[in-house]
Amino acid sequence: MNSREYNAPAVESRGVAEPLATGAAPKSYSTRPREGTKAARVLEALEAGQSLTAAQGYSRFGSMRLAAIVHQLRRRGCLVITEEKHARDRYGYAVRYAEYSMPTERTQRLAGGASVACKGKQ
């Protein structure tokens, strides 16, 4: 390989390697998460008006990476709000954590009536 040549990295899709176009954004998801998955259960809780933190995600859904699930939901078209909270831990140190929620009807009206539901809602 010449030092001036550049081969785009390959991406495997169903066992077939396809070149990834340079600078191309990854495809976004078009449907809701499959039923029974952690992502689907988190989405149901958020749509029910509940707010979630990472500790609640672990205790309620067994997910040690709630932020990753929220990222997946956002890529699927869901509007998830992240609010940074401040508290003190049991040793007295200042800590920050994220609290995730979905917009309420009030925030939807304030946004000019923009749709806040997930794109792939069935």
PDB file of N, CA and C in Angstrom:
ATOM      1  N   MET A   1       0.837  -1.175   0.000  1.00  0.00           N
ATOM      2  CA  MET A   1       0.000   0.000   0.000  1.00  0.00           C
ATOM      3  C   MET A   1       0.881   1.236   0.000  1.00  0.00           C
ATOM      4  N   ASN A   2       0.613   2.123  -0.914  1.00  0.00           N
ATOM      5  CA  ASN A   2       1.320   3.386  -1.006  1.00  0.00           C
ATOM      6  C   ASN A   2       0.934   4.263   0.175  1.00  0.00           C
ATOM      7  N   SER A   3       1.864   5.087   0.678  1.00  0.00           N
ATOM      8  CA  SER A   3       1.566   5.924   1.829  1.00  0.00           C
ATOM      9  C   SER A   3       0.507   6.973   1.514  1.00  0.00           C
ATOM     10  N   ARG A   4       0.247   7.236   0.236  1.00  0.00           N
ATOM     11  CA  ARG A   4      -0.767   8.221  -0.140  1.00  0.00           C
ATOM     12  C   ARG A   4      -2.148   7.587  -0.323  1.00  0.00           C
ATOM     13  N   GLU A   5      -2.205   6.262  -0.365  1.00  0.00           N
ATOM     14  CA  GLU A   5      -3.483   5.588  -0.538  1.00  0.00           C
ATOM     15  C   GLU A   5      -4.192   5.477   0.808  1.00  0.00           C
ATOM     16  N   TYR A   6      -5.498   5.508   0.749  1.00  0.00           N
ATOM     17  CA  TYR A   6      -6.281   5.318   1.971  1.00  0.00           C
ATOM     18  C   TYR A   6      -7.464   4.432   1.656  1.00  0.00           C
ATOM     19  N   ASN A   7      -7.567   3.358   2.382  1.00  0.00           N
ATOM     20  CA  ASN A   7      -8.711   2.468   2.229  1.00  0.00           C
ATOM     21  C   ASN A   7      -9.651   2.710   3.387  1.00  0.00           C
ATOM     22  N   ALA A   8     -10.911   2.969   3.084  1.00  0.00           N
ATOM     23  CA  ALA A   8     -11.905   3.189   4.128  1.00  0.00           C
ATOM     24  C   ALA A   8     -12.081   1.907   4.926  1.00  0.00           C
ATOM     25  N   PRO A   9     -12.298   2.025   6.225  1.00  0.00           N
ATOM     26  CA  PRO A   9     -12.503   0.820   7.029  1.00  0.00           C
ATOM     27  C   PRO A   9     -13.764   0.087   6.591  1.00  0.00           C
ATOM     28  N   ALA A  10     -13.727  -1.218   6.748  1.00  0.00           N
ATOM     29  CA  ALA A  10     -14.871  -2.035   6.356  1.00  0.00           C
ATOM     30  C   ALA A  10     -15.799  -2.213   7.549  1.00  0.00           C
ATOM     31  N   VAL A  11     -17.069  -2.289   7.272  1.00  0.00           N
ATOM     32  CA  VAL A  11     -18.075  -2.522   8.300  1.00  0.00           C
ATOM     33  C   VAL A  11     -18.774  -3.819   7.966  1.00  0.00           C
ATOM     34  N   GLU A  12     -18.860  -4.711   8.937  1.00  0.00           N
ATOM     35  CA  GLU A  12     -19.528  -5.981   8.686  1.00  0.00           C
ATOM     36  C   GLU A  12     -21.006  -5.842   8.935  1.00  0.00           C
ATOM     37  N   SER A  13     -21.778  -6.248   7.977  1.00  0.00           N
ATOM     38  CA  SER A  13     -23.230  -6.238   8.088  1.00  0.00           C
ATOM     39  C   SER A  13     -23.738  -7.595   7.673  1.00  0.00           C
ATOM     40  N   ARG A  14     -24.215  -8.367   8.635  1.00  0.00           N
ATOM     41  CA  ARG A  14     -24.711  -9.719   8.374  1.00  0.00           C
ATOM     42  C   ARG A  14     -23.644 -10.600   7.722  1.00  0.00           C
ATOM     43  N   GLY A  15     -22.407 -10.463   8.211  1.00  0.00           N
ATOM     44  CA  GLY A  15     -21.340 -11.322   7.733  1.00  0.00           C
ATOM     45  C   GLY A  15     -20.683 -10.870   6.451  1.00  0.00           C
ATOM     46  N   VAL A  16     -21.147  -9.784   5.833  1.00  0.00           N
ATOM     47  CA  VAL A  16     -20.566  -9.303   4.586  1.00  0.00           C
ATOM     48  C   VAL A  16     -19.878  -7.973   4.871  1.00  0.00           C
ATOM     49  N   ALA A  17     -18.607  -7.885   4.517  1.00  0.00           N
ATOM     50  CA  ALA A  17     -17.871  -6.647   4.757  1.00  0.00           C
ATOM     51  C   ALA A  17     -18.209  -5.631   3.674  1.00  0.00           C
ATOM     52  N   GLU A  18     -18.640  -4.451   4.096  1.00  0.00           N
ATOM     53  CA  GLU A  18     -18.959  -3.371   3.173  1.00  0.00           C
ATOM     54  C   GLU A  18     -18.110  -2.163   3.539  1.00  0.00           C
ATOM     55  N   PRO A  19     -17.571  -1.456   2.555  1.00  0.00           N
ATOM     56  CA  PRO A  19     -16.766  -0.277   2.907  1.00  0.00           C
ATOM     57  C   PRO A  19     -17.654   0.817   3.470  1.00  0.00           C
ATOM     58  N   LEU A  20     -17.143   1.503   4.495  1.00  0.00           N
ATOM     59  CA  LEU A  20     -17.852   2.617   5.106  1.00  0.00           C
ATOM     60  C   LEU A  20     -17.402   3.887   4.408  1.00  0.00           C
ATOM     61  N   ALA A  21     -18.335   4.631   3.858  1.00  0.00           N
ATOM     62  CA  ALA A  21     -17.983   5.880   3.168  1.00  0.00           C
ATOM     63  C   ALA A  21     -17.373   6.836   4.174  1.00  0.00           C
ATOM     64  N   THR A  22     -16.271   7.446   3.789  1.00  0.00           N
ATOM     65  CA  THR A  22     -15.616   8.379   4.697  1.00  0.00           C
ATOM     66  C   THR A  22     -16.509   9.578   4.934  1.00  0.00           C
ATOM     67  N   GLY A  23     -16.633   9.956   6.189  1.00  0.00           N
ATOM     68  CA  GLY A  23     -17.436  11.101   6.546  1.00  0.00           C
ATOM     69  C   GLY A  23     -18.928  10.808   6.589  1.00  0.00           C
ATOM     70  N   ALA A  24     -19.321   9.588   6.276  1.00  0.00           N
ATOM     71  CA  ALA A  24     -20.743   9.263   6.276  1.00  0.00           C
ATOM     72  C   ALA A  24     -21.209   9.024   7.698  1.00  0.00           C
ATOM     73  N   ALA A  25     -22.340   9.583   8.035  1.00  0.00           N
ATOM     74  CA  ALA A  25     -22.913   9.372   9.358  1.00  0.00           C
ATOM     75  C   ALA A  25     -23.548   7.992   9.404  1.00  0.00           C
ATOM     76  N   PRO A  26     -23.487   7.330  10.559  1.00  0.00           N
ATOM     77  CA  PRO A  26     -24.129   6.031  10.655  1.00  0.00           C
ATOM     78  C   PRO A  26     -25.633   6.164  10.491  1.00  0.00           C
ATOM     79  N   LYS A  27     -26.252   5.107   9.972  1.00  0.00           N
ATOM     80  CA  LYS A  27     -27.694   5.137   9.760  1.00  0.00           C
ATOM     81  C   LYS A  27     -28.405   5.205  11.101  1.00  0.00           C
ATOM     82  N   SER A  28     -29.505   5.932  11.137  1.00  0.00           N
ATOM     83  CA  SER A  28     -30.283   5.975  12.368  1.00  0.00           C
ATOM     84  C   SER A  28     -31.326   4.864  12.329  1.00  0.00           C
ATOM     85  N   TYR A  29     -31.776   4.484  13.489  1.00  0.00           N
ATOM     86  CA  TYR A  29     -32.780   3.436  13.590  1.00  0.00           C
ATOM     87  C   TYR A  29     -34.125   4.013  13.186  1.00  0.00           C
ATOM     88  N   SER A  30     -35.013   3.170  12.681  1.00  0.00           N
ATOM     89  CA  SER A  30     -36.308   3.660  12.231  1.00  0.00           C
ATOM     90  C   SER A  30     -37.467   3.078  13.027  1.00  0.00           C
ATOM     91  N   THR A  31     -37.207   2.151  13.912  1.00  0.00           N
ATOM     92  CA  THR A  31     -38.300   1.521  14.643  1.00  0.00           C
ATOM     93  C   THR A  31     -38.036   1.572  16.141  1.00  0.00           C
ATOM     94  N   ARG A  32     -39.082   1.266  16.887  1.00  0.00           N
ATOM     95  CA  ARG A  32     -38.953   1.187  18.342  1.00  0.00           C
ATOM     96  C   ARG A  32     -38.121  -0.038  18.707  1.00  0.00           C
ATOM     97  N   PRO A  33     -37.569  -0.047  19.923  1.00  0.00           N
ATOM     98  CA  PRO A  33     -36.822  -1.233  20.353  1.00  0.00           C
ATOM     99  C   PRO A  33     -37.728  -2.460  20.426  1.00  0.00           C
ATOM    100  N   ARG A  34     -37.137  -3.623  20.267  1.00  0.00           N
ATOM    101  CA  ARG A  34     -37.911  -4.867  20.352  1.00  0.00           C
ATOM    102  C   ARG A  34     -38.495  -5.028  21.745  1.00  0.00           C
ATOM    103  N   GLU A  35     -39.682  -5.584  21.809  1.00  0.00           N
ATOM    104  CA  GLU A  35     -40.351  -5.817  23.088  1.00  0.00           C
ATOM    105  C   GLU A  35     -39.500  -6.729  23.968  1.00  0.00           C
ATOM    106  N   GLY A  36     -39.512  -6.451  25.264  1.00  0.00           N
ATOM    107  CA  GLY A  36     -38.789  -7.280  26.213  1.00  0.00           C
ATOM    108  C   GLY A  36     -37.341  -6.899  26.421  1.00  0.00           C
ATOM    109  N   THR A  37     -36.804  -5.993  25.603  1.00  0.00           N
ATOM    110  CA  THR A  37     -35.417  -5.578  25.777  1.00  0.00           C
ATOM    111  C   THR A  37     -35.340  -4.492  26.850  1.00  0.00           C
ATOM    112  N   LYS A  38     -34.146  -4.275  27.353  1.00  0.00           N
ATOM    113  CA  LYS A  38     -33.959  -3.212  28.342  1.00  0.00           C
ATOM    114  C   LYS A  38     -34.335  -1.867  27.757  1.00  0.00           C
ATOM    115  N   ALA A  39     -33.976  -1.648  26.504  1.00  0.00           N
ATOM    116  CA  ALA A  39     -34.289  -0.370  25.859  1.00  0.00           C
ATOM    117  C   ALA A  39     -35.792  -0.152  25.790  1.00  0.00           C
ATOM    118  N   ALA A  40     -36.554  -1.199  25.497  1.00  0.00           N
ATOM    119  CA  ALA A  40     -38.016  -1.077  25.427  1.00  0.00           C
ATOM    120  C   ALA A  40     -38.593  -0.779  26.802  1.00  0.00           C
ATOM    121  N   ARG A  41     -38.059  -1.411  27.847  1.00  0.00           N
ATOM    122  CA  ARG A  41     -38.567  -1.168  29.194  1.00  0.00           C
ATOM    123  C   ARG A  41     -38.209   0.240  29.664  1.00  0.00           C
ATOM    124  N   VAL A  42     -37.020   0.720  29.322  1.00  0.00           N
ATOM    125  CA  VAL A  42     -36.641   2.097  29.671  1.00  0.00           C
ATOM    126  C   VAL A  42     -37.546   3.081  28.942  1.00  0.00           C
ATOM    127  N   LEU A  43     -37.799   2.838  27.650  1.00  0.00           N
ATOM    128  CA  LEU A  43     -38.673   3.721  26.878  1.00  0.00           C
ATOM    129  C   LEU A  43     -40.080   3.760  27.469  1.00  0.00           C
ATOM    130  N   GLU A  44     -40.616   2.606  27.881  1.00  0.00           N
ATOM    131  CA  GLU A  44     -41.944   2.570  28.488  1.00  0.00           C
ATOM    132  C   GLU A  44     -41.989   3.418  29.757  1.00  0.00           C
ATOM    133  N   ALA A  45     -40.943   3.330  30.573  1.00  0.00           N
ATOM    134  CA  ALA A  45     -40.895   4.110  31.813  1.00  0.00           C
ATOM    135  C   ALA A  45     -40.829   5.604  31.508  1.00  0.00           C
ATOM    136  N   LEU A  46     -40.010   5.983  30.525  1.00  0.00           N
ATOM    137  CA  LEU A  46     -39.893   7.398  30.174  1.00  0.00           C
ATOM    138  C   LEU A  46     -41.197   7.928  29.588  1.00  0.00           C
ATOM    139  N   GLU A  47     -41.850   7.132  28.747  1.00  0.00           N
ATOM    140  CA  GLU A  47     -43.111   7.558  28.156  1.00  0.00           C
ATOM    141  C   GLU A  47     -44.223   7.654  29.197  1.00  0.00           C
ATOM    142  N   ALA A  48     -44.089   6.914  30.295  1.00  0.00           N
ATOM    143  CA  ALA A  48     -45.073   6.971  31.379  1.00  0.00           C
ATOM    144  C   ALA A  48     -44.861   8.204  32.258  1.00  0.00           C
ATOM    145  N   GLY A  49     -43.862   9.020  31.922  1.00  0.00           N
ATOM    146  CA  GLY A  49     -43.620  10.249  32.667  1.00  0.00           C
ATOM    147  C   GLY A  49     -42.629  10.115  33.799  1.00  0.00           C
ATOM    148  N   GLN A  50     -41.987   8.967  33.910  1.00  0.00           N
ATOM    149  CA  GLN A  50     -41.011   8.765  34.971  1.00  0.00           C
ATOM    150  C   GLN A  50     -39.656   9.314  34.544  1.00  0.00           C
ATOM    151  N   SER A  51     -38.883   9.798  35.501  1.00  0.00           N
ATOM    152  CA  SER A  51     -37.511  10.199  35.219  1.00  0.00           C
ATOM    153  C   SER A  51     -36.596   9.123  35.785  1.00  0.00           C
ATOM    154  N   LEU A  52     -35.442   8.936  35.148  1.00  0.00           N
ATOM    155  CA  LEU A  52     -34.531   7.855  35.527  1.00  0.00           C
ATOM    156  C   LEU A  52     -33.118   8.367  35.709  1.00  0.00           C
ATOM    157  N   THR A  53     -32.422   7.802  36.676  1.00  0.00           N
ATOM    158  CA  THR A  53     -30.991   8.049  36.858  1.00  0.00           C
ATOM    159  C   THR A  53     -30.264   6.727  36.593  1.00  0.00           C
ATOM    160  N   ALA A  54     -28.949   6.774  36.538  1.00  0.00           N
ATOM    161  CA  ALA A  54     -28.173   5.556  36.287  1.00  0.00           C
ATOM    162  C   ALA A  54     -28.399   4.536  37.401  1.00  0.00           C
ATOM    163  N   ALA A  55     -28.486   4.989  38.653  1.00  0.00           N
ATOM    164  CA  ALA A  55     -28.714   4.066  39.769  1.00  0.00           C
ATOM    165  C   ALA A  55     -30.083   3.394  39.637  1.00  0.00           C
ATOM    166  N   GLN A  56     -31.097   4.148  39.226  1.00  0.00           N
ATOM    167  CA  GLN A  56     -32.422   3.561  39.023  1.00  0.00           C
ATOM    168  C   GLN A  56     -32.413   2.612  37.835  1.00  0.00           C
ATOM    169  N   GLY A  57     -31.655   2.947  36.795  1.00  0.00           N
ATOM    170  CA  GLY A  57     -31.539   2.064  35.642  1.00  0.00           C
ATOM    171  C   GLY A  57     -30.950   0.718  36.017  1.00  0.00           C
ATOM    172  N   TYR A  58     -29.999   0.735  36.939  1.00  0.00           N
ATOM    173  CA  TYR A  58     -29.391  -0.512  37.390  1.00  0.00           C
ATOM    174  C   TYR A  58     -30.358  -1.309  38.256  1.00  0.00           C
ATOM    175  N   SER A  59     -31.000  -0.639  39.209  1.00  0.00           N
ATOM    176  CA  SER A  59     -31.866  -1.372  40.125  1.00  0.00           C
ATOM    177  C   SER A  59     -33.165  -1.844  39.462  1.00  0.00           C
ATOM    178  N   ARG A  60     -33.726  -1.071  38.540  1.00  0.00           N
ATOM    179  CA  ARG A  60     -35.007  -1.428  37.931  1.00  0.00           C
ATOM    180  C   ARG A  60     -34.880  -2.289  36.680  1.00  0.00           C
ATOM    181  N   PHE A  61     -33.815  -2.037  35.886  1.00  0.00           N
ATOM    182  CA  PHE A  61     -33.714  -2.717  34.593  1.00  0.00           C
ATOM    183  C   PHE A  61     -32.468  -3.583  34.460  1.00  0.00           C
ATOM    184  N   GLY A  62     -31.587  -3.537  35.439  1.00  0.00           N
ATOM    185  CA  GLY A  62     -30.360  -4.318  35.367  1.00  0.00           C
ATOM    186  C   GLY A  62     -29.355  -3.761  34.381  1.00  0.00           C
ATOM    187  N   SER A  63     -29.494  -2.491  34.038  1.00  0.00           N
ATOM    188  CA  SER A  63     -28.598  -1.866  33.063  1.00  0.00           C
ATOM    189  C   SER A  63     -27.539  -1.046  33.772  1.00  0.00           C
ATOM    190  N   MET A  64     -26.293  -1.383  33.519  1.00  0.00           N
ATOM    191  CA  MET A  64     -25.200  -0.598  34.092  1.00  0.00           C
ATOM    192  C   MET A  64     -24.824   0.556  33.165  1.00  0.00           C
ATOM    193  N   ARG A  65     -25.470   0.641  32.005  1.00  0.00           N
ATOM    194  CA  ARG A  65     -25.142   1.685  31.042  1.00  0.00           C
ATOM    195  C   ARG A  65     -26.419   2.354  30.528  1.00  0.00           C
ATOM    196  N   LEU A  66     -27.129   3.033  31.415  1.00  0.00           N
ATOM    197  CA  LEU A  66     -28.362   3.701  31.028  1.00  0.00           C
ATOM    198  C   LEU A  66     -28.094   4.768  29.967  1.00  0.00           C
ATOM    199  N   ALA A  67     -26.964   5.437  30.050  1.00  0.00           N
ATOM    200  CA  ALA A  67     -26.634   6.462  29.053  1.00  0.00           C
ATOM    201  C   ALA A  67     -26.558   5.864  27.645  1.00  0.00           C
ATOM    202  N   ALA A  68     -26.071   4.641  27.523  1.00  0.00           N
ATOM    203  CA  ALA A  68     -26.007   3.983  26.210  1.00  0.00           C
ATOM    204  C   ALA A  68     -27.405   3.682  25.680  1.00  0.00           C
ATOM    205  N   ILE A  69     -28.305   3.275  26.563  1.00  0.00           N
ATOM    206  CA  ILE A  69     -29.684   3.015  26.141  1.00  0.00           C
ATOM    207  C   ILE A  69     -30.349   4.313  25.709  1.00  0.00           C
ATOM    208  N   VAL A  70     -30.119   5.377  26.464  1.00  0.00           N
ATOM    209  CA  VAL A  70     -30.681   6.686  26.096  1.00  0.00           C
ATOM    210  C   VAL A  70     -30.135   7.125  24.739  1.00  0.00           C
ATOM    211  N   HIS A  71     -28.862   6.879  24.494  1.00  0.00           N
ATOM    212  CA  HIS A  71     -28.261   7.214  23.200  1.00  0.00           C
ATOM    213  C   HIS A  71     -28.958   6.438  22.074  1.00  0.00           C
ATOM    214  N   GLN A  72     -29.214   5.150  22.288  1.00  0.00           N
ATOM    215  CA  GLN A  72     -29.932   4.345  21.288  1.00  0.00           C
ATOM    216  C   GLN A  72     -31.319   4.911  21.027  1.00  0.00           C
ATOM    217  N   LEU A  73     -32.022   5.282  22.089  1.00  0.00           N
ATOM    218  CA  LEU A  73     -33.366   5.823  21.934  1.00  0.00           C
ATOM    219  C   LEU A  73     -33.340   7.130  21.153  1.00  0.00           C
ATOM    220  N   ARG A  74     -32.357   7.958  21.410  1.00  0.00           N
ATOM    221  CA  ARG A  74     -32.232   9.212  20.661  1.00  0.00           C
ATOM    222  C   ARG A  74     -31.960   8.940  19.190  1.00  0.00           C
ATOM    223  N   ARG A  75     -31.142   7.945  18.902  1.00  0.00           N
ATOM    224  CA  ARG A  75     -30.875   7.600  17.500  1.00  0.00           C
ATOM    225  C   ARG A  75     -32.113   7.051  16.818  1.00  0.00           C
ATOM    226  N   ARG A  76     -33.038   6.516  17.591  1.00  0.00           N
ATOM    227  CA  ARG A  76     -34.295   6.014  17.044  1.00  0.00           C
ATOM    228  C   ARG A  76     -35.320   7.127  16.877  1.00  0.00           C
ATOM    229  N   GLY A  77     -34.975   8.337  17.292  1.00  0.00           N
ATOM    230  CA  GLY A  77     -35.855   9.478  17.096  1.00  0.00           C
ATOM    231  C   GLY A  77     -36.598   9.945  18.332  1.00  0.00           C
ATOM    232  N   CYS A  78     -36.300   9.387  19.478  1.00  0.00           N
ATOM    233  CA  CYS A  78     -36.974   9.792  20.714  1.00  0.00           C
ATOM    234  C   CYS A  78     -36.302  11.038  21.280  1.00  0.00           C
ATOM    235  N   LEU A  79     -37.105  11.928  21.796  1.00  0.00           N
ATOM    236  CA  LEU A  79     -36.581  13.127  22.436  1.00  0.00           C
ATOM    237  C   LEU A  79     -36.474  12.847  23.927  1.00  0.00           C
ATOM    238  N   VAL A  80     -35.248  12.677  24.402  1.00  0.00           N
ATOM    239  CA  VAL A  80     -34.993  12.399  25.812  1.00  0.00           C
ATOM    240  C   VAL A  80     -34.219  13.585  26.369  1.00  0.00           C
ATOM    241  N   ILE A  81     -34.718  14.126  27.465  1.00  0.00           N
ATOM    242  CA  ILE A  81     -34.095  15.283  28.099  1.00  0.00           C
ATOM    243  C   ILE A  81     -33.117  14.797  29.156  1.00  0.00           C
ATOM    244  N   THR A  82     -31.928  15.383  29.182  1.00  0.00           N
ATOM    245  CA  THR A  82     -30.943  15.094  30.213  1.00  0.00           C
ATOM    246  C   THR A  82     -30.818  16.314  31.106  1.00  0.00           C
ATOM    247  N   GLU A  83     -31.026  16.108  32.382  1.00  0.00           N
ATOM    248  CA  GLU A  83     -30.870  17.193  33.344  1.00  0.00           C
ATOM    249  C   GLU A  83     -29.733  16.824  34.288  1.00  0.00           C
ATOM    250  N   GLU A  84     -28.761  17.717  34.402  1.00  0.00           N
ATOM    251  CA  GLU A  84     -27.638  17.450  35.287  1.00  0.00           C
ATOM    252  C   GLU A  84     -28.025  17.822  36.710  1.00  0.00           C
ATOM    253  N   LYS A  85     -27.834  16.891  37.637  1.00  0.00           N
ATOM    254  CA  LYS A  85     -28.156  17.093  39.046  1.00  0.00           C
ATOM    255  C   LYS A  85     -26.874  17.125  39.860  1.00  0.00           C
ATOM    256  N   HIS A  86     -26.932  17.810  40.977  1.00  0.00           N
ATOM    257  CA  HIS A  86     -25.786  17.908  41.890  1.00  0.00           C
ATOM    258  C   HIS A  86     -26.222  17.423  43.268  1.00  0.00           C
ATOM    259  N   ALA A  87     -25.368  16.649  43.926  1.00  0.00           N
ATOM    260  CA  ALA A  87     -25.667  16.129  45.259  1.00  0.00           C
ATOM    261  C   ALA A  87     -24.348  15.844  45.970  1.00  0.00           C
ATOM    262  N   ARG A  88     -24.453  15.284  47.134  1.00  0.00           N
ATOM    263  CA  ARG A  88     -23.275  14.844  47.888  1.00  0.00           C
ATOM    264  C   ARG A  88     -23.390  13.339  48.101  1.00  0.00           C
ATOM    265  N   ASP A  89     -22.253  12.659  47.988  1.00  0.00           N
ATOM    266  CA  ASP A  89     -22.271  11.214  48.213  1.00  0.00           C
ATOM    267  C   ASP A  89     -22.199  10.927  49.711  1.00  0.00           C
ATOM    268  N   ARG A  90     -22.143   9.649  50.063  1.00  0.00           N
ATOM    269  CA  ARG A  90     -22.176   9.284  51.479  1.00  0.00           C
ATOM    270  C   ARG A  90     -20.924   9.704  52.239  1.00  0.00           C
ATOM    271  N   TYR A  91     -19.887  10.098  51.513  1.00  0.00           N
ATOM    272  CA  TYR A  91     -18.666  10.570  52.159  1.00  0.00           C
ATOM    273  C   TYR A  91     -18.593  12.087  52.198  1.00  0.00           C
ATOM    274  N   GLY A  92     -19.602  12.757  51.647  1.00  0.00           N
ATOM    275  CA  GLY A  92     -19.643  14.212  51.684  1.00  0.00           C
ATOM    276  C   GLY A  92     -19.052  14.894  50.462  1.00  0.00           C
ATOM    277  N   TYR A  93     -18.602  14.119  49.484  1.00  0.00           N
ATOM    278  CA  TYR A  93     -18.033  14.712  48.275  1.00  0.00           C
ATOM    279  C   TYR A  93     -19.142  15.160  47.323  1.00  0.00           C
ATOM    280  N   ALA A  94     -18.900  16.268  46.645  1.00  0.00           N
ATOM    281  CA  ALA A  94     -19.863  16.752  45.654  1.00  0.00           C
ATOM    282  C   ALA A  94     -19.813  15.849  44.425  1.00  0.00           C
ATOM    283  N   VAL A  95     -20.976  15.446  43.945  1.00  0.00           N
ATOM    284  CA  VAL A  95     -21.072  14.582  42.769  1.00  0.00           C
ATOM    285  C   VAL A  95     -22.099  15.149  41.809  1.00  0.00           C
ATOM    286  N   ARG A  96     -21.959  14.763  40.536  1.00  0.00           N
ATOM    287  CA  ARG A  96     -22.926  15.124  39.502  1.00  0.00           C
ATOM    288  C   ARG A  96     -23.466  13.839  38.907  1.00  0.00           C
ATOM    289  N   TYR A  97     -24.724  13.886  38.508  1.00  0.00           N
ATOM    290  CA  TYR A  97     -25.318  12.730  37.837  1.00  0.00           C
ATOM    291  C   TYR A  97     -26.389  13.227  36.889  1.00  0.00           C
ATOM    292  N   ALA A  98     -26.746  12.388  35.931  1.00  0.00           N
ATOM    293  CA  ALA A  98     -27.743  12.750  34.925  1.00  0.00           C
ATOM    294  C   ALA A  98     -29.087  12.137  35.300  1.00  0.00           C
ATOM    295  N   GLU A  99     -30.141  12.901  35.046  1.00  0.00           N
ATOM    296  CA  GLU A  99     -31.508  12.401  35.212  1.00  0.00           C
ATOM    297  C   GLU A  99     -32.187  12.533  33.860  1.00  0.00           C
ATOM    298  N   TYR A 100     -32.697  11.419  33.340  1.00  0.00           N
ATOM    299  CA  TYR A 100     -33.295  11.381  32.010  1.00  0.00           C
ATOM    300  C   TYR A 100     -34.815  11.391  32.119  1.00  0.00           C
ATOM    301  N   SER A 101     -35.458  12.117  31.215  1.00  0.00           N
ATOM    302  CA  SER A 101     -36.918  12.157  31.172  1.00  0.00           C
ATOM    303  C   SER A 101     -37.345  12.483  29.748  1.00  0.00           C
ATOM    304  N   MET A 102     -38.639  12.345  29.504  1.00  0.00           N
ATOM    305  CA  MET A 102     -39.207  12.750  28.214  1.00  0.00           C
ATOM    306  C   MET A 102     -40.041  13.998  28.457  1.00  0.00           C
ATOM    307  N   PRO A 103     -40.180  14.832  27.436  1.00  0.00           N
ATOM    308  CA  PRO A 103     -40.933  16.073  27.613  1.00  0.00           C
ATOM    309  C   PRO A 103     -42.391  15.808  27.987  1.00  0.00           C
ATOM    310  N   THR A 104     -42.924  16.704  28.790  1.00  0.00           N
ATOM    311  CA  THR A 104     -44.328  16.627  29.162  1.00  0.00           C
ATOM    312  C   THR A 104     -45.154  17.434  28.172  1.00  0.00           C
ATOM    313  N   GLU A 105     -46.462  17.408  28.335  1.00  0.00           N
ATOM    314  CA  GLU A 105     -47.326  18.192  27.453  1.00  0.00           C
ATOM    315  C   GLU A 105     -47.016  19.682  27.581  1.00  0.00           C
ATOM    316  N   ARG A 106     -46.678  20.112  28.798  1.00  0.00           N
ATOM    317  CA  ARG A 106     -46.362  21.530  29.020  1.00  0.00           C
ATOM    318  C   ARG A 106     -45.121  21.932  28.229  1.00  0.00           C
ATOM    319  N   THR A 107     -44.063  21.131  28.310  1.00  0.00           N
ATOM    320  CA  THR A 107     -42.850  21.478  27.559  1.00  0.00           C
ATOM    321  C   THR A 107     -43.084  21.363  26.067  1.00  0.00           C
ATOM    322  N   GLN A 108     -43.988  20.473  25.670  1.00  0.00           N
ATOM    323  CA  GLN A 108     -44.317  20.353  24.250  1.00  0.00           C
ATOM    324  C   GLN A 108     -45.005  21.626  23.767  1.00  0.00           C
ATOM    325  N   ARG A 109     -45.933  22.179  24.585  1.00  0.00           N
ATOM    326  CA  ARG A 109     -46.597  23.431  24.211  1.00  0.00           C
ATOM    327  C   ARG A 109     -45.598  24.570  24.147  1.00  0.00           C
ATOM    328  N   LEU A 110     -44.652  24.608  25.088  1.00  0.00           N
ATOM    329  CA  LEU A 110     -43.632  25.655  25.093  1.00  0.00           C
ATOM    330  C   LEU A 110     -42.725  25.560  23.868  1.00  0.00           C
ATOM    331  N   ALA A 111     -42.574  24.351  23.339  1.00  0.00           N
ATOM    332  CA  ALA A 111     -41.730  24.142  22.158  1.00  0.00           C
ATOM    333  C   ALA A 111     -42.492  24.444  20.876  1.00  0.00           C
ATOM    334  N   GLY A 112     -43.687  24.977  20.988  1.00  0.00           N
ATOM    335  CA  GLY A 112     -44.446  25.328  19.801  1.00  0.00           C
ATOM    336  C   GLY A 112     -45.225  24.186  19.216  1.00  0.00           C
ATOM    337  N   GLY A 113     -45.536  23.195  20.041  1.00  0.00           N
ATOM    338  CA  GLY A 113     -46.333  22.075  19.569  1.00  0.00           C
ATOM    339  C   GLY A 113     -45.562  21.041  18.789  1.00  0.00           C
ATOM    340  N   ALA A 114     -44.226  21.103  18.853  1.00  0.00           N
ATOM    341  CA  ALA A 114     -43.426  20.121  18.125  1.00  0.00           C
ATOM    342  C   ALA A 114     -43.674  18.726  18.684  1.00  0.00           C
ATOM    343  N   SER A 115     -43.649  17.754  17.822  1.00  0.00           N
ATOM    344  CA  SER A 115     -43.898  16.378  18.248  1.00  0.00           C
ATOM    345  C   SER A 115     -42.720  15.879  19.078  1.00  0.00           C
ATOM    346  N   VAL A 116     -43.020  15.249  20.194  1.00  0.00           N
ATOM    347  CA  VAL A 116     -41.963  14.736  21.058  1.00  0.00           C
ATOM    348  C   VAL A 116     -41.954  13.215  21.115  1.00  0.00           C
ATOM    349  N   ALA A 117     -42.892  12.572  20.464  1.00  0.00           N
ATOM    350  CA  ALA A 117     -42.952  11.113  20.481  1.00  0.00           C
ATOM    351  C   ALA A 117     -41.826  10.525  19.634  1.00  0.00           C
ATOM    352  N   CYS A 118     -41.547   9.275  19.869  1.00  0.00           N
ATOM    353  CA  CYS A 118     -40.539   8.593  19.061  1.00  0.00           C
ATOM    354  C   CYS A 118     -41.049   8.439  17.652  1.00  0.00           C
ATOM    355  N   LYS A 119     -40.144   8.548  16.677  1.00  0.00           N
ATOM    356  CA  LYS A 119     -40.525   8.462  15.262  1.00  0.00           C
ATOM    357  C   LYS A 119     -41.132   7.118  14.918  1.00  0.00           C
ATOM    358  N   GLY A 120     -40.601   6.058  15.495  1.00  0.00           N
ATOM    359  CA  GLY A 120     -41.056   4.725  15.128  1.00  0.00           C
ATOM    360  C   GLY A 120     -42.227   4.235  15.947  1.00  0.00           C
ATOM    361  N   LYS A 121     -42.940   5.126  16.620  1.00  0.00           N
ATOM    362  CA  LYS A 121     -44.038   4.715  17.499  1.00  0.00           C
ATOM    363  C   LYS A 121     -45.113   3.991  16.705  1.00  0.00           C
ATOM    364  N   GLN A 122     -45.559   2.861  17.227  1.00  0.00           N
ATOM    365  CA  GLN A 122     -46.535   2.047  16.502  1.00  0.00           C
ATOM    366  C   GLN A 122     -47.919   2.251  17.049  1.00  0.00           C
TER     367      GLN A 122
END
